[in-house]
Amino acid sequence: MMVIDLAMLRLRAQLLLRRAGAPACLAVALLMLGVAAWAWAWQQRAVAARLEARTMPQPALAVAIVAPPATASENLARFHATLGQQRHVEQQVKQLFDLAAKNGLLLAQGEYKSGYDKAGRVATYQVTLPLKGSYAAVWQFALQALRAMPFASLDELSFRREQIADTQLEARLRLTFYLTDSAGEAP
């Protein structure tokens, strides 16, 4: 009995669709899609409203301990603490020669010039080194020297090669050491 009713309903629906025509069927299908979309949007709006109404747990207020900014004298003391000591300049130059040998560089006699910056109350020691070796070895040496002596600055690095086929090149490296003029105390 149930099978007959379903078959009869199907037959009536087919007759109704043929009488109404294709444009009416398309309009009914679009109307049903619109109702389904409206119902879905209504449901999503209800979900969003529930989420907004829900109270969010408040994070524990972290009290950040902020140190007061450093004073000028503290900054100056930190600066002077990072400087090298003038009394150890010969050891620092020896360290440069050791680093050059470690990197396979030929290091000839260098030029040395000491100075004093009155405004910064900092002693300077400028070292100019002529090097011979590969490009990579010279750069490696320069980087190792700056790591070993954080109070040094690389002022100049120049390269020269006589012929393209030469594997060894000549380089000139100039470093400036910034040093304290006393036995480690800030002025």
Protein backbone atom coordinates (compact mmCIF):
# COMPACT_ATOMS: atom_id res chain seq x y z
CA MET A 1 0.00 0.00 0.00
CA MET A 2 2.86 2.31 0.78
CA VAL A 3 4.47 1.50 -2.58
CA ILE A 4 1.32 2.47 -4.44
CA ASP A 5 1.04 5.80 -2.64
CA LEU A 6 4.67 6.69 -3.46
CA ALA A 7 4.22 5.75 -7.10
CA MET A 8 1.03 7.81 -7.27
CA LEU A 9 2.74 10.82 -5.67
CA ARG A 10 5.59 10.56 -8.13
CA LEU A 11 3.17 10.44 -11.06
CA ARG A 12 1.26 13.49 -9.80
CA ALA A 13 4.50 15.42 -9.34
CA GLN A 14 5.59 14.64 -12.90
CA LEU A 15 2.24 15.79 -14.29
CA LEU A 16 2.40 18.99 -12.24
CA LEU A 17 5.93 19.74 -13.47
CA ARG A 18 4.93 19.20 -17.13
CA ARG A 19 1.94 21.49 -16.79
CA ALA A 20 3.93 24.25 -15.05
CA GLY A 21 6.80 24.27 -17.57
CA ALA A 22 10.58 24.68 -17.23
CA PRO A 23 10.63 28.34 -16.10
CA ALA A 24 8.24 27.67 -13.23
CA CYS A 25 10.24 24.60 -12.16
CA LEU A 26 13.44 26.66 -12.17
CA ALA A 27 11.76 29.37 -10.09
CA VAL A 28 10.55 26.80 -7.54
CA ALA A 29 14.06 25.28 -7.33
CA LEU A 30 15.64 28.70 -6.80
CA LEU A 31 13.03 29.54 -4.17
CA MET A 32 13.82 26.33 -2.30
CA LEU A 33 17.57 27.07 -2.50
CA GLY A 34 16.96 30.58 -1.18
CA VAL A 35 14.93 29.27 1.75
CA ALA A 36 17.68 26.72 2.55
CA ALA A 37 20.38 29.45 2.40
CA TRP A 38 18.31 31.74 4.61
CA ALA A 39 17.83 28.92 7.16
CA TRP A 40 21.58 28.18 7.15
CA ALA A 41 22.47 31.87 7.61
CA TRP A 42 19.94 32.18 10.44
CA GLN A 43 21.53 29.16 12.17
CA GLN A 44 25.05 30.60 11.75
CA ARG A 45 23.90 33.94 13.16
CA ALA A 46 22.48 32.14 16.20
CA VAL A 47 25.78 30.28 16.70
CA ALA A 48 27.75 33.54 16.44
CA ALA A 49 25.41 35.22 18.94
CA ARG A 50 25.96 32.36 21.42
CA LEU A 51 29.71 32.64 21.00
CA GLU A 52 29.62 36.39 21.57
CA ALA A 53 27.42 36.02 24.62
CA ARG A 54 29.79 33.50 26.17
CA THR A 55 32.21 35.10 28.58
CA MET A 56 35.84 34.61 27.78
CA PRO A 57 38.17 33.70 30.61
CA GLN A 58 40.29 36.67 31.56
CA PRO A 59 44.01 36.02 31.40
CA ALA A 60 45.88 36.55 34.59
CA LEU A 61 47.37 39.98 34.50
CA ALA A 62 51.07 39.57 34.27
CA VAL A 63 52.84 42.32 36.03
CA ALA A 64 55.79 43.19 33.89
CA ILE A 65 58.69 44.45 35.86
CA VAL A 66 60.11 47.19 33.75
CA ALA A 67 63.48 48.42 34.73
CA PRO A 68 63.83 52.16 34.67
CA PRO A 69 65.79 53.43 31.71
CA ALA A 70 69.52 53.57 32.20
CA THR A 71 71.01 56.89 33.09
CA ALA A 72 73.69 58.49 30.97
CA SER A 73 76.37 57.62 33.50
CA GLU A 74 75.25 53.96 33.53
CA ASN A 75 75.38 53.84 29.73
CA LEU A 76 78.84 55.40 29.77
CA ALA A 77 80.00 52.87 32.37
CA ARG A 78 78.70 49.99 30.20
CA PHE A 79 80.48 51.45 27.19
CA HIS A 80 83.78 51.70 29.02
CA ALA A 81 83.34 48.16 30.38
CA THR A 82 83.30 46.78 26.82
CA LEU A 83 86.52 48.50 25.80
CA GLY A 84 89.83 46.71 25.68
CA GLN A 85 92.70 47.70 27.91
CA GLN A 86 95.52 49.76 26.53
CA ARG A 87 98.12 47.89 28.54
CA HIS A 88 97.24 44.64 26.65
CA VAL A 89 97.52 46.06 23.13
CA GLU A 90 100.64 44.04 22.31
CA GLN A 91 98.82 40.82 23.22
CA GLN A 92 95.90 41.83 21.02
CA VAL A 93 98.24 42.45 18.05
CA LYS A 94 99.87 39.07 18.71
CA GLN A 95 96.39 37.52 18.67
CA LEU A 96 95.88 39.03 15.18
CA PHE A 97 99.12 37.43 13.97
CA ASP A 98 98.06 34.07 15.47
CA LEU A 99 94.64 34.28 13.75
CA ALA A 100 96.32 35.10 10.43
CA ALA A 101 98.61 32.06 10.74
CA LYS A 102 95.64 29.88 11.70
CA ASN A 103 93.86 30.96 8.49
CA GLY A 104 96.93 30.31 6.34
CA LEU A 105 97.62 33.96 5.57
CA LEU A 106 101.02 35.53 5.06
CA LEU A 107 101.22 38.61 7.23
CA ALA A 108 104.00 41.10 6.66
CA GLN A 109 105.01 43.88 9.00
CA GLY A 110 102.02 46.03 9.86
CA GLU A 111 101.61 49.72 10.55
CA TYR A 112 100.55 50.85 14.01
CA LYS A 113 99.28 54.21 15.17
CA SER A 114 98.03 55.14 18.62
CA GLY A 115 95.74 58.04 19.39
CA TYR A 116 93.40 59.49 21.97
CA ASP A 117 89.85 60.78 21.54
CA LYS A 118 89.44 63.59 24.07
CA ALA A 119 85.68 63.87 23.60
CA GLY A 120 85.06 60.19 24.29
CA ARG A 121 88.01 59.81 26.63
CA VAL A 122 88.99 56.68 24.70
CA ALA A 123 92.41 55.61 23.52
CA THR A 124 92.63 54.23 19.99
CA TYR A 125 95.15 51.94 18.40
CA GLN A 126 94.98 51.63 14.63
CA VAL A 127 96.49 48.52 13.03
CA THR A 128 97.00 48.24 9.27
CA LEU A 129 97.97 44.76 8.09
CA PRO A 130 99.06 43.72 4.58
CA LEU A 131 97.87 40.14 3.99
CA LYS A 132 98.42 37.53 1.29
CA GLY A 133 96.09 34.58 0.87
CA SER A 134 92.78 33.47 -0.56
CA TYR A 135 89.69 35.67 -0.55
CA ALA A 136 87.83 33.32 1.80
CA ALA A 137 90.77 33.12 4.22
CA VAL A 138 91.01 36.92 4.44
CA TRP A 139 87.30 37.26 5.20
CA GLN A 140 87.47 34.44 7.73
CA PHE A 141 90.39 36.17 9.43
CA ALA A 142 88.56 39.51 9.55
CA LEU A 143 85.45 37.95 11.09
CA GLN A 144 87.45 35.96 13.64
CA ALA A 145 89.38 39.09 14.63
CA LEU A 146 86.15 41.01 15.24
CA ARG A 147 84.71 38.14 17.29
CA ALA A 148 87.88 37.82 19.35
CA MET A 149 88.11 41.57 19.98
CA PRO A 150 84.62 43.09 20.30
CA PHE A 151 86.18 46.49 21.01
CA ALA A 152 87.70 46.60 17.50
CA SER A 153 86.19 48.10 14.39
CA LEU A 154 86.92 47.09 10.82
CA ASP A 155 87.74 50.38 9.11
CA GLU A 156 89.04 49.15 5.76
CA LEU A 157 89.36 45.93 3.83
CA SER A 158 90.69 46.14 0.30
CA PHE A 159 91.74 43.44 -2.14
CA ARG A 160 94.15 43.43 -5.06
CA ARG A 161 95.03 40.69 -7.51
CA GLU A 162 97.78 41.05 -10.11
CA GLN A 163 96.38 38.50 -12.57
CA ILE A 164 93.06 36.73 -12.85
CA ALA A 165 94.71 33.32 -12.63
CA ASP A 166 96.35 34.10 -9.27
CA THR A 167 94.88 32.09 -6.43
CA GLN A 168 96.54 34.30 -3.84
CA LEU A 169 95.57 37.93 -3.56
CA GLU A 170 96.91 40.85 -1.63
CA ALA A 171 94.65 42.42 0.95
CA ARG A 172 94.93 45.38 3.24
CA LEU A 173 93.02 45.29 6.52
CA ARG A 174 92.74 48.23 8.90
CA LEU A 175 91.34 47.74 12.39
CA THR A 176 90.94 50.26 15.17
CA PHE A 177 91.00 49.10 18.77
CA TYR A 178 89.07 51.24 21.24
CA LEU A 179 90.79 51.03 24.60
CA THR A 180 90.55 52.40 28.10
CA ASP A 181 93.51 54.50 29.01
CA SER A 182 93.49 53.27 32.60
CA ALA A 183 93.66 49.85 34.23
CA GLY A 184 90.01 49.01 33.50
CA GLU A 185 88.22 51.82 35.34
CA ALA A 186 85.74 54.05 33.63
CA PRO A 187 86.85 57.68 33.59
